[in-house]
PDB file of N, CA and C in Angstrom:
ATOM      1  N   MET A   1      17.513 -43.171  22.525  1.00  0.00           N
ATOM      2  CA  MET A   1      17.392 -43.930  23.232  1.00  0.00           C
ATOM      3  C   MET A   1      16.376 -44.932  24.089  1.00  0.00           C
ATOM      4  N   ASP A   2      16.296 -45.699  24.274  1.00  0.00           N
ATOM      5  CA  ASP A   2      15.284 -46.818  24.063  1.00  0.00           C
ATOM      6  C   ASP A   2      15.256 -46.392  26.010  1.00  0.00           C
ATOM      7  N   LYS A   3      13.769 -47.048  26.608  1.00  0.00           N
ATOM      8  CA  LYS A   3      13.109 -46.274  27.606  1.00  0.00           C
ATOM      9  C   LYS A   3      13.521 -47.346  28.999  1.00  0.00           C
ATOM     10  N   THR A   4      13.875 -47.594  29.700  1.00  0.00           N
ATOM     11  CA  THR A   4      14.519 -48.355  31.243  1.00  0.00           C
ATOM     12  C   THR A   4      13.450 -49.362  31.054  1.00  0.00           C
ATOM     13  N   HIS A   5      13.755 -50.544  31.393  1.00  0.00           N
ATOM     14  CA  HIS A   5      12.910 -52.285  31.098  1.00  0.00           C
ATOM     15  C   HIS A   5      13.307 -52.403  32.510  1.00  0.00           C
ATOM     16  N   ASP A   6      12.329 -53.171  33.516  1.00  0.00           N
ATOM     17  CA  ASP A   6      12.053 -53.780  33.863  1.00  0.00           C
ATOM     18  C   ASP A   6      12.201 -55.441  33.676  1.00  0.00           C
ATOM     19  N   TYR A   7      13.371 -56.052  33.689  1.00  0.00           N
ATOM     20  CA  TYR A   7      13.539 -57.574  33.831  1.00  0.00           C
ATOM     21  C   TYR A   7      13.550 -58.176  35.068  1.00  0.00           C
ATOM     22  N   ARG A   8      12.558 -58.717  34.862  1.00  0.00           N
ATOM     23  CA  ARG A   8      12.569 -60.139  35.960  1.00  0.00           C
ATOM     24  C   ARG A   8      12.713 -61.306  36.159  1.00  0.00           C
ATOM     25  N   THR A   9      13.336 -61.704  34.846  1.00  0.00           N
ATOM     26  CA  THR A   9      13.721 -62.880  35.270  1.00  0.00           C
ATOM     27  C   THR A   9      15.161 -63.377  33.601  1.00  0.00           C
ATOM     28  N   LEU A  10      16.107 -63.809  34.330  1.00  0.00           N
ATOM     29  CA  LEU A  10      17.844 -63.862  33.886  1.00  0.00           C
ATOM     30  C   LEU A  10      17.430 -64.102  32.455  1.00  0.00           C
ATOM     31  N   GLU A  11      16.296 -64.487  31.629  1.00  0.00           N
ATOM     32  CA  GLU A  11      16.413 -65.196  30.228  1.00  0.00           C
ATOM     33  C   GLU A  11      16.033 -64.192  29.760  1.00  0.00           C
ATOM     34  N   GLU A  12      15.198 -62.769  30.155  1.00  0.00           N
ATOM     35  CA  GLU A  12      14.869 -61.309  30.351  1.00  0.00           C
ATOM     36  C   GLU A  12      16.031 -60.848  29.538  1.00  0.00           C
ATOM     37  N   ILE A  13      17.070 -60.464  31.099  1.00  0.00           N
ATOM     38  CA  ILE A  13      18.133 -60.682  30.476  1.00  0.00           C
ATOM     39  C   ILE A  13      18.953 -60.375  29.439  1.00  0.00           C
ATOM     40  N   ARG A  14      19.150 -61.772  29.024  1.00  0.00           N
ATOM     41  CA  ARG A  14      19.876 -62.095  28.060  1.00  0.00           C
ATOM     42  C   ARG A  14      19.441 -62.047  26.625  1.00  0.00           C
ATOM     43  N   GLN A  15      18.330 -62.160  26.577  1.00  0.00           N
ATOM     44  CA  GLN A  15      17.595 -61.672  24.893  1.00  0.00           C
ATOM     45  C   GLN A  15      17.381 -59.677  24.738  1.00  0.00           C
ATOM     46  N   ARG A  16      16.845 -59.231  26.274  1.00  0.00           N
ATOM     47  CA  ARG A  16      17.738 -58.285  25.510  1.00  0.00           C
ATOM     48  C   ARG A  16      19.089 -57.733  25.220  1.00  0.00           C
ATOM     49  N   LYS A  17      19.986 -58.210  26.071  1.00  0.00           N
ATOM     50  CA  LYS A  17      21.194 -59.054  25.570  1.00  0.00           C
ATOM     51  C   LYS A  17      21.737 -59.021  24.539  1.00  0.00           C
ATOM     52  N   ASN A  18      21.294 -60.300  23.667  1.00  0.00           N
ATOM     53  CA  ASN A  18      20.960 -60.581  22.739  1.00  0.00           C
ATOM     54  C   ASN A  18      20.420 -59.611  21.570  1.00  0.00           C
ATOM     55  N   GLU A  19      19.592 -58.631  21.536  1.00  0.00           N
ATOM     56  CA  GLU A  19      18.719 -57.512  20.990  1.00  0.00           C
ATOM     57  C   GLU A  19      20.222 -57.228  20.952  1.00  0.00           C
ATOM     58  N   LEU A  20      20.400 -56.160  21.919  1.00  0.00           N
ATOM     59  CA  LEU A  20      22.195 -55.400  21.784  1.00  0.00           C
ATOM     60  C   LEU A  20      22.771 -55.299  20.891  1.00  0.00           C
ATOM     61  N   ARG A  21      23.266 -56.902  21.267  1.00  0.00           N
ATOM     62  CA  ARG A  21      24.224 -57.337  20.534  1.00  0.00           C
ATOM     63  C   ARG A  21      24.173 -57.059  18.490  1.00  0.00           C
ATOM     64  N   ARG A  22      23.239 -57.367  18.477  1.00  0.00           N
ATOM     65  CA  ARG A  22      22.168 -57.710  17.344  1.00  0.00           C
ATOM     66  C   ARG A  22      23.404 -56.255  16.759  1.00  0.00           C
ATOM     67  N   GLN A  23      22.394 -55.252  17.437  1.00  0.00           N
ATOM     68  CA  GLN A  23      22.023 -53.844  17.041  1.00  0.00           C
ATOM     69  C   GLN A  23      23.202 -53.571  17.102  1.00  0.00           C
ATOM     70  N   ILE A  24      24.133 -53.415  17.512  1.00  0.00           N
ATOM     71  CA  ILE A  24      25.611 -53.451  17.751  1.00  0.00           C
ATOM     72  C   ILE A  24      26.534 -53.235  16.489  1.00  0.00           C
ATOM     73  N   ASP A  25      26.446 -54.818  16.082  1.00  0.00           N
ATOM     74  CA  ASP A  25      27.144 -55.727  14.857  1.00  0.00           C
ATOM     75  C   ASP A  25      26.644 -54.867  13.374  1.00  0.00           C
ATOM     76  N   ARG A  26      25.068 -55.035  13.336  1.00  0.00           N
ATOM     77  CA  ARG A  26      24.086 -53.869  12.047  1.00  0.00           C
ATOM     78  C   ARG A  26      25.352 -52.615  12.289  1.00  0.00           C
ATOM     79  N   ASP A  27      25.304 -52.322  13.336  1.00  0.00           N
ATOM     80  CA  ASP A  27      25.645 -50.573  13.535  1.00  0.00           C
ATOM     81  C   ASP A  27      27.590 -50.160  13.159  1.00  0.00           C
ATOM     82  N   ASN A  28      28.014 -51.638  13.274  1.00  0.00           N
ATOM     83  CA  ASN A  28      29.256 -51.732  13.468  1.00  0.00           C
ATOM     84  C   ASN A  28      29.149 -52.384  12.086  1.00  0.00           C
ATOM     85  N   GLU A  29      28.389 -53.045  11.119  1.00  0.00           N
ATOM     86  CA  GLU A  29      28.666 -52.846   9.347  1.00  0.00           C
ATOM     87  C   GLU A  29      28.610 -51.883   8.616  1.00  0.00           C
ATOM     88  N   HIS A  30      27.356 -51.204   9.471  1.00  0.00           N
ATOM     89  CA  HIS A  30      26.892 -49.813   8.519  1.00  0.00           C
ATOM     90  C   HIS A  30      28.082 -48.704   8.545  1.00  0.00           C
ATOM     91  N   ILE A  31      28.921 -48.543  10.201  1.00  0.00           N
ATOM     92  CA  ILE A  31      29.712 -47.461   9.890  1.00  0.00           C
ATOM     93  C   ILE A  31      31.195 -48.448   8.896  1.00  0.00           C
ATOM     94  N   SER A  32      31.399 -49.141   8.973  1.00  0.00           N
ATOM     95  CA  SER A  32      32.800 -49.511   7.615  1.00  0.00           C
ATOM     96  C   SER A  32      32.791 -49.433   6.947  1.00  0.00           C
ATOM     97  N   GLN A  33      30.811 -49.845   5.998  1.00  0.00           N
ATOM     98  CA  GLN A  33      30.741 -49.082   4.710  1.00  0.00           C
ATOM     99  C   GLN A  33      30.822 -48.180   4.909  1.00  0.00           C
ATOM    100  N   LEU A  34      30.584 -46.683   5.397  1.00  0.00           N
ATOM    101  CA  LEU A  34      30.660 -46.094   5.201  1.00  0.00           C
ATOM    102  C   LEU A  34      32.223 -45.003   5.703  1.00  0.00           C
ATOM    103  N   TRP A  35      32.240 -46.331   6.439  1.00  0.00           N
ATOM    104  CA  TRP A  35      33.939 -45.393   6.041  1.00  0.00           C
ATOM    105  C   TRP A  35      35.051 -46.352   5.424  1.00  0.00           C
ATOM    106  N   GLY A  36      34.551 -47.665   4.683  1.00  0.00           N
ATOM    107  CA  GLY A  36      34.995 -47.741   3.824  1.00  0.00           C
ATOM    108  C   GLY A  36      34.858 -46.717   2.198  1.00  0.00           C
ATOM    109  N   SER A  37      34.163 -46.370   2.318  1.00  0.00           N
ATOM    110  CA  SER A  37      33.428 -45.450   0.984  1.00  0.00           C
ATOM    111  C   SER A  37      34.305 -43.724   1.164  1.00  0.00           C
ATOM    112  N   LEU A  38      34.701 -43.763   2.359  1.00  0.00           N
ATOM    113  CA  LEU A  38      35.681 -42.473   2.304  1.00  0.00           C
ATOM    114  C   LEU A  38      36.334 -42.444   1.840  1.00  0.00           C
ATOM    115  N   PHE A  39      37.044 -43.630   1.851  1.00  0.00           N
ATOM    116  CA  PHE A  39      38.753 -43.539   1.445  1.00  0.00           C
ATOM    117  C   PHE A  39      38.374 -44.510  -0.122  1.00  0.00           C
ATOM    118  N   VAL A  40      37.759 -44.435  -1.189  1.00  0.00           N
ATOM    119  CA  VAL A  40      37.632 -44.897  -2.288  1.00  0.00           C
ATOM    120  C   VAL A  40      38.329 -44.403  -3.303  1.00  0.00           C
ATOM    121  N   LYS A  41      39.300 -45.603  -4.291  1.00  0.00           N
ATOM    122  CA  LYS A  41      40.519 -44.356  -4.853  1.00  0.00           C
ATOM    123  C   LYS A  41      39.767 -44.228  -6.189  1.00  0.00           C
ATOM    124  N   ARG A  42      40.241 -42.763  -6.289  1.00  0.00           N
ATOM    125  CA  ARG A  42      39.391 -42.257  -7.627  1.00  0.00           C
ATOM    126  C   ARG A  42      40.101 -42.684  -9.017  1.00  0.00           C
ATOM    127  N   LYS A  43      39.723 -43.139 -10.039  1.00  0.00           N
ATOM    128  CA  LYS A  43      39.990 -43.035 -10.830  1.00  0.00           C
ATOM    129  C   LYS A  43      40.832 -42.184 -11.457  1.00  0.00           C
ATOM    130  N   ASP A  44      41.877 -42.872 -12.935  1.00  0.00           N
ATOM    131  CA  ASP A  44      43.399 -42.273 -13.201  1.00  0.00           C
ATOM    132  C   ASP A  44      42.387 -40.917 -14.167  1.00  0.00           C
ATOM    133  N   SER A  45      43.037 -39.646 -13.887  1.00  0.00           N
ATOM    134  CA  SER A  45      42.402 -38.808 -14.540  1.00  0.00           C
ATOM    135  C   SER A  45      43.421 -38.789 -15.856  1.00  0.00           C
ATOM    136  N   THR A  46      42.100 -37.935 -16.883  1.00  0.00           N
ATOM    137  CA  THR A  46      42.939 -37.536 -18.652  1.00  0.00           C
ATOM    138  C   THR A  46      43.849 -36.364 -18.593  1.00  0.00           C
ATOM    139  N   THR A  47      44.672 -36.359 -19.512  1.00  0.00           N
ATOM    140  CA  THR A  47      45.534 -35.053 -19.241  1.00  0.00           C
ATOM    141  C   THR A  47      44.579 -33.886 -19.179  1.00  0.00           C
ATOM    142  N   GLY A  48      43.716 -33.680 -19.576  1.00  0.00           N
ATOM    143  CA  GLY A  48      42.826 -32.251 -19.601  1.00  0.00           C
ATOM    144  C   GLY A  48      42.658 -32.111 -17.756  1.00  0.00           C
ATOM    145  N   GLN A  49      41.845 -33.598 -17.253  1.00  0.00           N
ATOM    146  CA  GLN A  49      41.331 -32.638 -16.025  1.00  0.00           C
ATOM    147  C   GLN A  49      43.119 -32.558 -15.272  1.00  0.00           C
ATOM    148  N   PHE A  50      44.285 -33.599 -15.600  1.00  0.00           N
ATOM    149  CA  PHE A  50      45.426 -32.841 -14.731  1.00  0.00           C
ATOM    150  C   PHE A  50      45.156 -31.334 -15.032  1.00  0.00           C
ATOM    151  N   VAL A  51      45.990 -31.442 -16.191  1.00  0.00           N
ATOM    152  CA  VAL A  51      45.883 -29.569 -16.800  1.00  0.00           C
ATOM    153  C   VAL A  51      44.917 -28.848 -16.120  1.00  0.00           C
ATOM    154  N   THR A  52      43.966 -29.716 -16.130  1.00  0.00           N
ATOM    155  CA  THR A  52      42.474 -28.257 -14.893  1.00  0.00           C
ATOM    156  C   THR A  52      43.586 -28.141 -14.165  1.00  0.00           C
ATOM    157  N   ASN A  53      43.011 -29.113 -12.899  1.00  0.00           N
ATOM    158  CA  ASN A  53      43.636 -29.390 -11.581  1.00  0.00           C
ATOM    159  C   ASN A  53      44.645 -28.352 -11.852  1.00  0.00           C
ATOM    160  N   LEU A  54      46.252 -28.669 -12.742  1.00  0.00           N
ATOM    161  CA  LEU A  54      47.333 -28.130 -12.350  1.00  0.00           C
ATOM    162  C   LEU A  54      47.077 -26.134 -12.412  1.00  0.00           C
ATOM    163  N   LEU A  55      46.065 -26.527 -13.429  1.00  0.00           N
ATOM    164  CA  LEU A  55      45.677 -24.485 -13.989  1.00  0.00           C
ATOM    165  C   LEU A  55      44.669 -23.835 -12.501  1.00  0.00           C
ATOM    166  N   SER A  56      43.861 -25.022 -11.749  1.00  0.00           N
ATOM    167  CA  SER A  56      43.417 -24.730 -10.489  1.00  0.00           C
ATOM    168  C   SER A  56      43.958 -24.300  -9.693  1.00  0.00           C
ATOM    169  N   HIS A  57      44.741 -25.227  -9.277  1.00  0.00           N
ATOM    170  CA  HIS A  57      46.094 -25.162  -7.618  1.00  0.00           C
ATOM    171  C   HIS A  57      46.620 -23.478  -8.314  1.00  0.00           C
ATOM    172  N   GLY A  58      47.616 -23.633  -9.449  1.00  0.00           N
ATOM    173  CA  GLY A  58      48.421 -22.164  -9.770  1.00  0.00           C
ATOM    174  C   GLY A  58      47.751 -21.050  -9.323  1.00  0.00           C
ATOM    175  N   ALA A  59      46.502 -21.179  -9.988  1.00  0.00           N
ATOM    176  CA  ALA A  59      45.631 -19.994  -9.661  1.00  0.00           C
ATOM    177  C   ALA A  59      45.215 -19.473  -8.041  1.00  0.00           C
ATOM    178  N   MET A  60      45.353 -20.649  -6.971  1.00  0.00           N
ATOM    179  CA  MET A  60      44.728 -20.710  -6.029  1.00  0.00           C
ATOM    180  C   MET A  60      45.940 -20.291  -5.444  1.00  0.00           C
ATOM    181  N   MET A  61      47.573 -20.829  -5.673  1.00  0.00           N
ATOM    182  CA  MET A  61      48.242 -20.078  -5.009  1.00  0.00           C
ATOM    183  C   MET A  61      48.671 -19.151  -5.094  1.00  0.00           C
ATOM    184  N   ILE A  62      48.904 -18.313  -6.520  1.00  0.00           N
ATOM    185  CA  ILE A  62      49.149 -17.341  -6.610  1.00  0.00           C
ATOM    186  C   ILE A  62      47.589 -15.950  -5.827  1.00  0.00           C
ATOM    187  N   ASP A  63      46.831 -16.726  -6.283  1.00  0.00           N
ATOM    188  CA  ASP A  63      45.992 -15.508  -5.218  1.00  0.00           C
ATOM    189  C   ASP A  63      46.016 -15.217  -3.520  1.00  0.00           C
ATOM    190  N   ALA A  64      46.482 -16.539  -2.944  1.00  0.00           N
ATOM    191  CA  ALA A  64      47.618 -16.602  -1.491  1.00  0.00           C
ATOM    192  C   ALA A  64      48.389 -16.495  -1.582  1.00  0.00           C
ATOM    193  N   PHE A  65      49.286 -15.976  -2.450  1.00  0.00           N
ATOM    194  CA  PHE A  65      50.412 -14.909  -2.714  1.00  0.00           C
ATOM    195  C   PHE A  65      49.911 -13.746  -2.007  1.00  0.00           C
ATOM    196  N   LEU A  66      49.109 -13.103  -3.603  1.00  0.00           N
ATOM    197  CA  LEU A  66      48.895 -11.830  -3.417  1.00  0.00           C
ATOM    198  C   LEU A  66      48.572 -11.393  -2.529  1.00  0.00           C
ATOM    199  N   LEU A  67      47.083 -12.283  -1.602  1.00  0.00           N
ATOM    200  CA  LEU A  67      46.319 -12.089  -0.342  1.00  0.00           C
ATOM    201  C   LEU A  67      47.609 -12.062   0.455  1.00  0.00           C
ATOM    202  N   VAL A  68      48.577 -12.416   0.590  1.00  0.00           N
ATOM    203  CA  VAL A  68      49.133 -12.291   2.254  1.00  0.00           C
ATOM    204  C   VAL A  68      50.485 -11.063   1.636  1.00  0.00           C
ATOM    205  N   ARG A  69      50.659 -11.745   0.629  1.00  0.00           N
ATOM    206  CA  ARG A  69      51.226  -9.551   0.072  1.00  0.00           C
ATOM    207  C   ARG A  69      50.449  -8.936   0.380  1.00  0.00           C
ATOM    208  N   LYS A  70      49.864  -8.578   0.047  1.00  0.00           N
ATOM    209  CA  LYS A  70      48.488  -7.257   0.362  1.00  0.00           C
ATOM    210  C   LYS A  70      48.611  -6.824   1.868  1.00  0.00           C
ATOM    211  N   LEU A  71      48.017  -8.187   3.136  1.00  0.00           N
ATOM    212  CA  LEU A  71      47.703  -8.288   4.667  1.00  0.00           C
ATOM    213  C   LEU A  71      48.944  -7.269   4.892  1.00  0.00           C
ATOM    214  N   ARG A  72      50.609  -7.847   4.388  1.00  0.00           N
ATOM    215  CA  ARG A  72      51.651  -8.109   5.049  1.00  0.00           C
ATOM    216  C   ARG A  72      51.866  -6.175   4.681  1.00  0.00           C
ATOM    217  N   ARG A  73      51.201  -5.845   3.517  1.00  0.00           N
ATOM    218  CA  ARG A  73      51.569  -4.329   3.424  1.00  0.00           C
ATOM    219  C   ARG A  73      50.940  -3.115   3.457  1.00  0.00           C
ATOM    220  N   ASP A  74      49.262  -4.038   3.792  1.00  0.00           N
ATOM    221  CA  ASP A  74      48.214  -2.672   4.587  1.00  0.00           C
ATOM    222  C   ASP A  74      48.566  -2.726   6.629  1.00  0.00           C
ATOM    223  N   TYR A  75      49.007  -4.225   6.319  1.00  0.00           N
ATOM    224  CA  TYR A  75      48.877  -4.041   8.287  1.00  0.00           C
ATOM    225  C   TYR A  75      50.499  -4.557   8.951  1.00  0.00           C
ATOM    226  N   GLY A  76      51.433  -4.911   7.953  1.00  0.00           N
ATOM    227  CA  GLY A  76      52.633  -4.135   8.535  1.00  0.00           C
ATOM    228  C   GLY A  76      53.475  -3.147   9.392  1.00  0.00           C
ATOM    229  N   GLY A  77      52.884  -2.565   9.199  1.00  0.00           N
ATOM    230  CA  GLY A  77      53.193  -1.008  10.133  1.00  0.00           C
ATOM    231  C   GLY A  77      52.891  -1.373  11.481  1.00  0.00           C
ATOM    232  N   LEU A  78      51.554  -1.823  11.593  1.00  0.00           N
ATOM    233  CA  LEU A  78      50.797  -2.214  12.916  1.00  0.00           C
ATOM    234  C   LEU A  78      51.207  -3.534  13.683  1.00  0.00           C
ATOM    235  N   MET A  79      51.689  -4.080  13.036  1.00  0.00           N
ATOM    236  CA  MET A  79      52.715  -5.229  13.681  1.00  0.00           C
ATOM    237  C   MET A  79      53.899  -4.758  14.319  1.00  0.00           C
ATOM    238  N   GLN A  80      54.524  -4.456  13.662  1.00  0.00           N
ATOM    239  CA  GLN A  80      55.567  -4.320  14.194  1.00  0.00           C
ATOM    240  C   GLN A  80      55.665  -3.065  14.668  1.00  0.00           C
ATOM    241  N   SER A  81      54.134  -2.062  15.345  1.00  0.00           N
ATOM    242  CA  SER A  81      54.458  -1.092  16.901  1.00  0.00           C
ATOM    243  C   SER A  81      53.869  -2.120  17.823  1.00  0.00           C
ATOM    244  N   LEU A  82      53.380  -2.934  17.093  1.00  0.00           N
ATOM    245  CA  LEU A  82      52.650  -4.222  18.596  1.00  0.00           C
ATOM    246  C   LEU A  82      53.457  -4.877  18.991  1.00  0.00           C
ATOM    247  N   ARG A  83      55.468  -5.141  18.256  1.00  0.00           N
ATOM    248  CA  ARG A  83      56.246  -5.381  19.130  1.00  0.00           C
ATOM    249  C   ARG A  83      57.479  -4.918  19.610  1.00  0.00           C
ATOM    250  N   ARG A  84      57.006  -3.536  19.306  1.00  0.00           N
ATOM    251  CA  ARG A  84      57.779  -2.787  19.927  1.00  0.00           C
ATOM    252  C   ARG A  84      57.709  -2.097  21.299  1.00  0.00           C
ATOM    253  N   LYS A  85      55.810  -2.045  21.517  1.00  0.00           N
ATOM    254  CA  LYS A  85      55.570  -2.159  22.829  1.00  0.00           C
ATOM    255  C   LYS A  85      55.775  -3.073  23.361  1.00  0.00           C
ATOM    256  N   LYS A  86      55.871  -4.670  23.187  1.00  0.00           N
ATOM    257  CA  LYS A  86      55.625  -5.586  24.772  1.00  0.00           C
ATOM    258  C   LYS A  86      57.337  -5.702  24.712  1.00  0.00           C
ATOM    259  N   SER A  87      58.550  -5.017  23.700  1.00  0.00           N
ATOM    260  CA  SER A  87      59.716  -5.170  24.207  1.00  0.00           C
ATOM    261  C   SER A  87      60.206  -4.240  25.502  1.00  0.00           C
TER     262      SER A  87
END
C-alpha cells in the first residue's frame, strides 16, 4: 500500500483519484484475463486419451472402494461400540 499523502488542493485530490481509477481499471483487466484463462475449453481428446482416462478413473474408483471396505472391516467394530455407548 502507498503511504498516506498530504493533499492541499482539490486538483491534487482529483489527480490522485484519476491515478487510482487507472490502477483499478488495469487490475480489473488483468483479473479478467486470468479469470478467462481458467475456463479455457479443452481440445477434443483422441480415442487413446479417452481410453487412458477411462482406465485411470476406473482404477481410482476401485482403489477408493477397496480403501472404504478395508476401513469398515478394520474399524467397523469400533464405530458400532461408539454408537451403542451414546444410546
